[in-house]
Amino acid sequence: MRHRWKSCAGTTAAFAVAFTAFGAAPVWAAPSPEVQQRPSVEEQLAGAEHRQQPGDPASSPPVGDTGELRDDVEVADFAKARSREYFAVLPRSIPQRSIERVAGLKGVDSVEVVDAARMNVDGESTAVLGVDPSSFRNYAPEPSAESDDIWRGIAEGRVALSDEAGKQRGLDVGSRVDLAGAEGKVTREVWTHATSGVAGIDALISRNLAERLGFPRGNALIVSAPEADLWRLQEDLKTALGDEASLQLLAEDPRPRPAGAPGEALDRATLEAAIEAAKTRIGVPYVWGGESMSEGGYDCSGLVQWAFKQAGVSVPRVTHNQWFAGEQLDFADARRGDLIFWRNDPTAPDYISHVAIYLGDGRMLESPRTGLDVRITDVRMDNMAGVVRVHR
């Protein structure tokens, strides 16, 4: 097992740029967006050697009433499954020459232009992509990519929520939600629960609807480069897109970096402080997106981030990025204070979707899901992705 390097403290400015871009005026519905911390690409690459093999193929996510689909809206057939290696986002539209530069980089197979912003969905701040359904579907997780009905519904102006956002927030398929952007508010049907494949993105809409709501036009890219040297590509993308660009690694199994020292695993006293902090929240409700008592509770990764912060350790906010918070291990090697991760999202079988704190002796502490409180329970082995030993 190779060491995994990570430095949690002081998450890089690059990822602050990414989600400031999502919130740059006038796109945000709220005037003062809170930027989520994300690990640097170096941290992600150094922690990304291990990949859990997906299980059996999942069926396509359910959609709303297909009888309401119009015949005059066409979506191209699913053409080819495209891998997702990087997500790049800027505060404003990416110049065409820069897009062409990225498309011509060594190892890049294809590039998909999308519109990225954060807006209120049913009153909750949500990171959203405006996509071209005909082309973006080729970059979506396989269970969704092959469903014509999903992409026809998005093309007609409906909204696809991630599996987690839809289920945890009680926004059922077929329900209607308000979408509030810089250019006003519209009401749309929740067409499906289908995860985008980009960590932290919880909704997809069409680029036409995104433009109507005031999104920046073409300020983000999905980059497919399955055979690229991801370290080299990272540097090339920075050069092609400039200093304002923020990069997020989407691939989980790049070749390990040829050099780089491992970070330090947290000492026992620090881990015990994090565990004791988490225990003070037993009985507090699960709240989607919650990361403090002022919000009424915590979601799974919000609880982990809060508990480690009380012990003086900064970890990223969402589960996909916490997966890169240190050395990745098998459960057989788990120790008290390690983080356990699962892949429970049926719409994206490779996606990290849940996290808990291991207490030892087969027990763990977690904020499980809507309707349940923070609790201590037995470790569940089904769909487990692995264990991370948090490093400074």
Protein backbone atom coordinates (compact mmCIF):
# COMPACT_ATOMS: atom_id res chain seq x y z
CA MET A 1 0.00 0.00 0.00
CA ARG A 2 1.49 3.33 -1.02
CA HIS A 3 1.32 6.27 1.33
CA ARG A 4 -1.29 8.94 0.60
CA TRP A 5 -0.26 12.53 1.02
CA LYS A 6 -2.58 15.23 2.19
CA SER A 7 -2.38 18.61 3.86
CA CYS A 8 -5.84 19.49 5.12
CA ALA A 9 -5.11 22.85 6.68
CA GLY A 10 -5.51 25.95 4.56
CA THR A 11 -7.31 24.51 1.55
CA THR A 12 -5.90 26.12 -1.54
CA ALA A 13 -7.20 29.34 -2.99
CA ALA A 14 -7.85 27.57 -6.27
CA PHE A 15 -10.90 25.77 -4.96
CA ALA A 16 -12.09 28.90 -3.24
CA VAL A 17 -12.07 30.43 -6.71
CA ALA A 18 -14.15 27.55 -8.05
CA PHE A 19 -17.06 28.00 -5.77
CA THR A 20 -16.73 31.73 -5.57
CA ALA A 21 -17.26 31.43 -9.30
CA PHE A 22 -20.48 29.60 -8.53
CA GLY A 23 -21.40 32.50 -6.32
CA ALA A 24 -19.92 35.48 -8.15
CA ALA A 25 -22.40 38.33 -8.54
CA PRO A 26 -24.91 38.43 -10.04
CA VAL A 27 -25.44 34.68 -10.23
CA TRP A 28 -26.11 33.93 -6.60
CA ALA A 29 -29.62 34.39 -5.33
CA ALA A 30 -28.14 35.13 -1.89
CA PRO A 31 -25.74 38.09 -1.57
CA SER A 32 -23.09 36.41 0.59
CA PRO A 33 -22.28 32.87 -0.59
CA GLU A 34 -20.31 30.58 1.68
CA VAL A 35 -17.44 28.93 -0.15
CA GLN A 36 -17.03 25.22 0.48
CA GLN A 37 -13.48 24.04 1.12
CA ARG A 38 -12.04 21.53 -1.31
CA PRO A 39 -8.68 19.76 -1.46
CA SER A 40 -6.06 20.82 -3.97
CA VAL A 41 -5.59 18.71 -7.08
CA GLU A 42 -2.19 17.65 -5.73
CA GLU A 43 -3.91 16.24 -2.64
CA GLN A 44 -6.52 14.48 -4.73
CA LEU A 45 -4.00 12.98 -7.14
CA ALA A 46 -1.73 11.76 -4.37
CA GLY A 47 -4.69 10.10 -2.64
CA ALA A 48 -6.33 8.55 -5.66
CA GLU A 49 -4.58 5.26 -6.36
CA HIS A 50 -7.26 3.00 -4.92
CA ARG A 51 -10.53 2.43 -6.66
CA GLN A 52 -13.37 0.18 -5.61
CA GLN A 53 -14.55 -1.94 -8.51
CA PRO A 54 -18.18 -1.22 -9.36
CA GLY A 55 -20.74 -3.88 -8.77
CA ASP A 56 -23.49 -4.99 -11.08
CA PRO A 57 -24.75 -2.35 -13.51
CA ALA A 58 -27.58 -0.28 -12.08
CA SER A 59 -30.85 0.37 -13.85
CA SER A 60 -31.66 3.84 -15.11
CA PRO A 61 -33.14 6.20 -12.51
CA PRO A 62 -36.93 6.67 -12.58
CA VAL A 63 -38.36 9.77 -14.23
CA GLY A 64 -41.62 11.69 -14.15
CA ASP A 65 -44.62 11.11 -16.37
CA THR A 66 -43.17 10.44 -19.83
CA GLY A 67 -46.61 10.91 -21.33
CA GLU A 68 -46.11 14.63 -20.80
CA LEU A 69 -42.98 14.78 -22.96
CA ARG A 70 -43.41 16.74 -26.17
CA ASP A 71 -42.63 15.34 -29.62
CA ASP A 72 -41.00 18.55 -30.84
CA VAL A 73 -37.98 18.42 -28.51
CA GLU A 74 -35.22 16.20 -29.81
CA VAL A 75 -32.19 14.89 -27.96
CA ALA A 76 -29.34 13.09 -29.69
CA ASP A 77 -28.93 9.38 -29.02
CA PHE A 78 -26.37 8.22 -26.49
CA ALA A 79 -23.20 8.02 -28.58
CA LYS A 80 -20.22 7.02 -26.46
CA ALA A 81 -19.43 6.82 -22.76
CA ARG A 82 -16.90 9.53 -21.95
CA SER A 83 -14.70 9.40 -18.90
CA ARG A 84 -14.52 12.41 -16.55
CA GLU A 85 -10.99 13.33 -15.48
CA TYR A 86 -11.26 17.04 -14.56
CA PHE A 87 -13.87 19.68 -13.86
CA ALA A 88 -12.63 23.23 -14.52
CA VAL A 89 -14.57 26.35 -13.57
CA LEU A 90 -13.94 30.08 -13.98
CA PRO A 91 -15.81 33.11 -12.62
CA ARG A 92 -16.86 34.11 -16.17
CA SER A 93 -17.26 32.69 -19.67
CA ILE A 94 -14.25 30.76 -20.94
CA PRO A 95 -12.94 32.24 -24.23
CA GLN A 96 -13.31 29.99 -27.25
CA ARG A 97 -9.56 30.07 -27.87
CA SER A 98 -8.99 28.69 -24.36
CA ILE A 99 -11.51 25.90 -24.92
CA GLU A 100 -9.73 24.99 -28.17
CA ARG A 101 -6.40 25.06 -26.33
CA VAL A 102 -7.73 22.60 -23.74
CA ALA A 103 -9.18 20.33 -26.42
CA GLY A 104 -5.77 20.18 -28.09
CA LEU A 105 -3.81 19.23 -24.98
CA LYS A 106 -1.92 15.95 -24.96
CA GLY A 107 -4.14 13.13 -23.77
CA VAL A 108 -7.44 15.06 -23.98
CA ASP A 109 -10.07 13.12 -25.90
CA SER A 110 -12.95 15.57 -25.58
CA VAL A 111 -14.23 18.63 -23.72
CA GLU A 112 -17.78 19.50 -22.70
CA VAL A 113 -18.76 23.12 -22.07
CA VAL A 114 -21.28 23.73 -19.26
CA ASP A 115 -22.69 26.66 -17.28
CA ALA A 116 -21.94 26.54 -13.53
CA ALA A 117 -23.63 28.54 -10.77
CA ARG A 118 -25.17 28.25 -7.36
CA MET A 119 -28.81 29.20 -6.89
CA ASN A 120 -31.70 28.46 -4.55
CA VAL A 121 -33.61 25.26 -5.29
CA ASP A 122 -36.74 25.06 -3.15
CA GLY A 123 -35.17 27.64 -0.86
CA GLU A 124 -31.85 25.78 -0.40
CA SER A 125 -28.56 27.00 -1.90
CA THR A 126 -27.60 24.38 -4.50
CA ALA A 127 -24.71 24.02 -6.97
CA VAL A 128 -26.18 23.54 -10.45
CA LEU A 129 -24.89 22.86 -13.96
CA GLY A 130 -26.60 24.06 -17.12
CA VAL A 131 -25.92 21.36 -19.73
CA ASP A 132 -26.63 20.44 -23.34
CA PRO A 133 -28.56 17.18 -22.83
CA SER A 134 -27.54 15.79 -26.24
CA SER A 135 -23.83 15.93 -25.50
CA PHE A 136 -23.55 15.99 -21.69
CA ARG A 137 -25.31 12.65 -21.41
CA ASN A 138 -22.16 11.00 -22.78
CA TYR A 139 -20.27 12.23 -19.68
CA ALA A 140 -22.93 11.19 -17.16
CA PRO A 141 -22.72 8.05 -15.00
CA GLU A 142 -23.78 5.05 -17.03
CA PRO A 143 -27.18 4.35 -15.40
CA SER A 144 -28.33 7.82 -16.47
CA ALA A 145 -26.43 8.24 -19.72
CA GLU A 146 -28.41 5.64 -21.63
CA SER A 147 -31.87 6.90 -20.63
CA ASP A 148 -33.43 9.00 -23.41
CA ASP A 149 -36.26 10.02 -21.08
CA ILE A 150 -33.91 11.68 -18.57
CA TRP A 151 -32.32 13.93 -21.17
CA ARG A 152 -35.55 14.74 -22.99
CA GLY A 153 -37.04 15.93 -19.71
CA ILE A 154 -34.04 18.15 -18.97
CA ALA A 155 -34.14 19.51 -22.53
CA GLU A 156 -37.78 20.52 -21.99
CA GLY A 157 -36.88 22.57 -18.92
CA ARG A 158 -37.29 20.13 -16.06
CA VAL A 159 -34.67 19.66 -13.31
CA ALA A 160 -32.61 16.59 -12.42
CA LEU A 161 -31.62 16.49 -8.75
CA SER A 162 -28.84 14.29 -7.44
CA ASP A 163 -29.98 11.13 -5.73
CA GLU A 164 -28.88 12.48 -2.36
CA ALA A 165 -30.39 15.95 -2.74
CA GLY A 166 -33.69 14.58 -3.97
CA LYS A 167 -34.15 11.87 -1.37
CA GLN A 168 -32.64 13.60 1.64
CA ARG A 169 -34.57 16.82 1.03
CA GLY A 170 -37.83 15.02 0.31
CA LEU A 171 -38.07 16.42 -3.22
CA ASP A 172 -39.75 13.50 -4.91
CA VAL A 173 -39.76 12.78 -8.62
CA GLY A 174 -42.81 14.52 -10.05
CA SER A 175 -42.89 17.25 -7.39
CA ARG A 176 -42.45 20.91 -8.30
CA VAL A 177 -39.73 23.20 -6.97
CA ASP A 178 -38.86 26.88 -7.23
CA LEU A 179 -35.55 27.73 -8.93
CA ALA A 180 -34.32 31.21 -7.96
CA GLY A 181 -31.47 32.73 -9.95
CA ALA A 182 -30.10 36.17 -10.70
CA GLU A 183 -32.77 36.82 -13.33
CA GLY A 184 -35.80 35.80 -11.31
CA LYS A 185 -37.62 32.64 -10.28
CA VAL A 186 -39.32 29.79 -12.12
CA THR A 187 -41.16 26.68 -10.98
CA ARG A 188 -40.13 23.37 -12.51
CA GLU A 189 -40.82 19.66 -12.11
CA VAL A 190 -38.28 17.39 -10.43
CA TRP A 191 -37.85 15.05 -13.37
CA THR A 192 -35.45 12.50 -11.91
CA HIS A 193 -32.92 11.75 -9.17
CA ALA A 194 -29.69 11.28 -11.14
CA THR A 195 -26.23 12.18 -9.85
CA SER A 196 -24.15 14.25 -12.27
CA GLY A 197 -20.78 12.61 -11.64
CA VAL A 198 -19.25 15.92 -10.46
CA ALA A 199 -18.77 16.04 -6.68
CA GLY A 200 -20.77 18.80 -5.02
CA ILE A 201 -23.09 19.37 -7.99
CA ASP A 202 -26.65 18.58 -6.93
CA ALA A 203 -28.77 19.58 -9.93
CA LEU A 204 -28.76 19.64 -13.74
CA ILE A 205 -30.85 21.90 -15.96
CA SER A 206 -30.68 22.78 -19.65
CA ARG A 207 -28.38 25.57 -20.81
CA ASN A 208 -31.45 27.39 -22.13
CA LEU A 209 -32.99 27.45 -18.66
CA ALA A 210 -29.62 28.36 -17.11
CA GLU A 211 -29.37 31.38 -19.40
CA ARG A 212 -32.90 32.46 -18.45
CA LEU A 213 -31.94 32.25 -14.76
CA GLY A 214 -28.79 34.35 -15.22
CA PHE A 215 -26.00 31.78 -15.14
CA PRO A 216 -22.62 32.78 -16.59
CA ARG A 217 -22.45 31.31 -20.08
CA GLY A 218 -19.90 28.56 -20.64
CA ASN A 219 -17.78 29.16 -17.53
CA ALA A 220 -16.94 25.50 -16.85
CA LEU A 221 -15.57 22.43 -18.63
CA ILE A 222 -15.73 18.68 -18.20
CA VAL A 223 -12.46 17.25 -19.53
CA SER A 224 -12.21 13.65 -20.72
CA ALA A 225 -8.64 12.34 -20.90
CA PRO A 226 -8.67 8.66 -19.94
CA GLU A 227 -5.10 7.91 -21.06
CA ALA A 228 -3.50 11.18 -19.93
CA ASP A 229 -0.80 11.62 -17.34
CA LEU A 230 -3.01 13.49 -14.88
CA TRP A 231 -0.09 15.28 -13.24
CA ARG A 232 1.05 16.63 -16.60
CA LEU A 233 -2.52 17.44 -17.63
CA GLN A 234 -3.08 19.39 -14.43
CA GLU A 235 -0.21 21.73 -15.29
CA ASP A 236 -1.31 22.01 -18.92
CA LEU A 237 -4.85 22.94 -17.89
CA LYS A 238 -3.55 25.65 -15.56
CA THR A 239 -1.52 27.11 -18.43
CA ALA A 240 -4.39 26.92 -20.91
CA LEU A 241 -7.08 28.38 -18.64
CA GLY A 242 -5.11 30.87 -16.55
CA ASP A 243 -4.80 31.69 -12.88
CA GLU A 244 -8.53 32.22 -12.29
CA ALA A 245 -9.38 28.65 -13.22
CA SER A 246 -10.06 26.10 -10.51
CA LEU A 247 -9.61 22.39 -11.16
CA GLN A 248 -11.32 19.46 -9.52
CA LEU A 249 -10.13 15.93 -10.12
CA LEU A 250 -13.02 13.62 -11.03
CA ALA A 251 -11.04 10.47 -11.84
CA GLU A 252 -10.36 8.07 -8.97
CA ASP A 253 -7.62 5.85 -10.37
CA PRO A 254 -4.80 7.95 -11.84
CA ARG A 255 -1.23 6.73 -11.84
CA PRO A 256 0.37 7.72 -8.53
CA ARG A 257 2.62 10.76 -8.51
CA PRO A 258 6.28 9.72 -8.91
CA ALA A 259 7.40 11.85 -5.96
CA GLY A 260 5.87 13.32 -2.82
CA ALA A 261 6.24 12.66 0.88
CA PRO A 262 3.36 11.22 2.91
CA GLY A 263 1.67 13.46 5.42
CA GLU A 264 1.43 12.67 9.11
CA ALA A 265 -1.42 10.62 10.49
CA LEU A 266 -3.24 12.37 13.32
CA ASP A 267 -2.10 11.53 16.83
CA ARG A 268 -4.33 9.64 19.24
CA ALA A 269 -5.20 12.69 21.36
CA THR A 270 -6.40 14.62 18.31
CA LEU A 271 -8.52 11.72 17.10
CA GLU A 272 -10.06 11.26 20.55
CA ALA A 273 -10.89 14.97 20.66
CA ALA A 274 -12.69 14.67 17.30
CA ILE A 275 -14.60 11.60 18.47
CA GLU A 276 -15.64 13.25 21.73
CA ALA A 277 -16.84 16.31 19.81
CA ALA A 278 -18.89 14.10 17.47
CA LYS A 279 -20.42 12.30 20.46
CA THR A 280 -21.81 15.59 21.76
CA ARG A 281 -24.03 15.65 18.66
CA ILE A 282 -25.64 12.24 19.25
CA GLY A 283 -29.41 12.70 18.98
CA VAL A 284 -29.13 15.78 16.74
CA PRO A 285 -31.18 15.45 13.53
CA TYR A 286 -29.72 14.77 10.10
CA VAL A 287 -30.11 17.90 7.96
CA TRP A 288 -29.17 17.87 4.26
CA GLY A 289 -26.27 20.28 3.79
CA GLY A 290 -26.12 20.91 7.55
CA GLU A 291 -22.81 21.67 9.19
CA SER A 292 -23.79 23.46 12.43
CA MET A 293 -26.45 23.58 15.12
CA SER A 294 -27.62 26.91 13.71
CA GLU A 295 -28.86 24.93 10.71
CA GLY A 296 -30.67 22.45 12.94
CA GLY A 297 -28.27 19.56 12.42
CA TYR A 298 -25.67 17.91 10.22
CA ASP A 299 -25.39 15.75 7.17
CA CYS A 300 -22.80 12.95 7.18
CA SER A 301 -19.82 14.92 5.87
CA GLY A 302 -20.88 18.08 7.70
CA LEU A 303 -20.67 16.21 11.01
CA VAL A 304 -17.21 14.84 10.16
CA GLN A 305 -15.91 18.26 9.16
CA TRP A 306 -17.34 19.89 12.31
CA ALA A 307 -15.98 17.23 14.67
CA PHE A 308 -12.45 17.37 13.28
CA LYS A 309 -12.54 21.16 13.32
CA GLN A 310 -13.18 21.02 17.08
CA ALA A 311 -9.94 19.04 17.33
CA GLY A 312 -8.05 21.67 15.32
CA VAL A 313 -8.02 19.74 12.02
CA SER A 314 -9.43 21.05 8.74
CA VAL A 315 -10.96 18.47 6.42
CA PRO A 316 -12.91 19.10 3.19
CA ARG A 317 -16.67 19.47 3.20
CA VAL A 318 -18.18 16.83 0.90
CA THR A 319 -17.74 13.06 1.04
CA HIS A 320 -15.99 12.74 -2.34
CA ASN A 321 -13.30 15.16 -1.17
CA GLN A 322 -13.03 13.69 2.34
CA TRP A 323 -12.17 10.44 0.54
CA PHE A 324 -8.83 12.13 -0.28
CA ALA A 325 -8.17 13.24 3.33
CA GLY A 326 -5.34 10.80 3.98
CA GLU A 327 -4.21 7.21 3.53
CA GLN A 328 -6.81 4.90 1.98
CA LEU A 329 -6.99 1.48 3.63
CA ASP A 330 -9.01 -1.70 3.70
CA PHE A 331 -11.49 -2.04 6.54
CA ALA A 332 -9.40 -4.90 7.98
CA ASP A 333 -6.74 -2.29 8.80
CA ALA A 334 -9.13 0.29 10.31
CA ARG A 335 -8.34 1.96 13.64
CA ARG A 336 -10.43 4.09 15.96
CA GLY A 337 -10.81 7.57 14.49
CA ASP A 338 -10.50 6.52 10.85
CA LEU A 339 -13.21 7.51 8.39
CA ILE A 340 -15.33 4.85 6.65
CA PHE A 341 -16.84 5.51 3.21
CA TRP A 342 -19.61 3.92 1.15
CA ARG A 343 -20.83 3.98 -2.45
CA ASN A 344 -24.60 3.89 -1.93
CA ASP A 345 -25.80 6.01 -4.87
CA PRO A 346 -27.67 3.71 -7.30
CA THR A 347 -27.53 6.37 -10.02
CA ALA A 348 -23.69 6.58 -9.85
CA PRO A 349 -22.23 3.29 -8.56
CA ASP A 350 -18.65 4.63 -8.43
CA TYR A 351 -19.57 7.76 -6.46
CA ILE A 352 -18.58 8.20 -2.79
CA SER A 353 -21.84 9.07 -1.06
CA HIS A 354 -21.60 8.45 2.71
CA VAL A 355 -19.04 8.75 5.52
CA ALA A 356 -18.86 7.81 9.21
CA ILE A 357 -16.27 7.88 12.02
CA TYR A 358 -14.97 4.48 13.10
CA LEU A 359 -15.01 3.88 16.87
CA GLY A 360 -13.40 0.44 16.90
CA ASP A 361 -14.85 -3.00 17.73
CA GLY A 362 -17.17 -2.89 14.73
CA ARG A 363 -18.96 0.32 15.80
CA MET A 364 -19.19 3.72 14.16
CA LEU A 365 -20.69 7.18 14.64
CA GLU A 366 -22.66 8.73 11.79
CA SER A 367 -25.34 11.16 10.71
CA PRO A 368 -27.23 8.67 8.55
CA ARG A 369 -30.08 10.23 6.56
CA THR A 370 -33.22 12.33 6.72
CA GLY A 371 -35.51 11.11 9.50
CA LEU A 372 -32.70 9.71 11.64
CA ASP A 373 -30.49 11.40 14.25
CA VAL A 374 -26.73 11.28 14.77
CA ARG A 375 -26.07 7.89 16.36
CA ILE A 376 -23.62 5.11 17.17
CA THR A 377 -24.31 1.88 15.33
CA ASP A 378 -22.70 -1.26 13.93
CA VAL A 379 -20.51 -0.88 10.85
CA ARG A 380 -22.30 -1.80 7.62
CA MET A 381 -20.22 -3.75 5.11
CA ASP A 382 -22.58 -3.48 2.11
CA ASN A 383 -21.28 -1.05 -0.54
CA MET A 384 -18.28 -0.06 1.60
CA ALA A 385 -15.64 1.76 -0.47
CA GLY A 386 -12.88 1.68 2.12
CA VAL A 387 -11.31 3.53 5.02
CA VAL A 388 -9.27 6.74 5.23
CA ARG A 389 -6.76 7.51 7.97
CA VAL A 390 -6.83 11.29 8.17
CA HIS A 391 -3.48 13.05 7.70
CA ARG A 392 -2.38 16.57 8.46
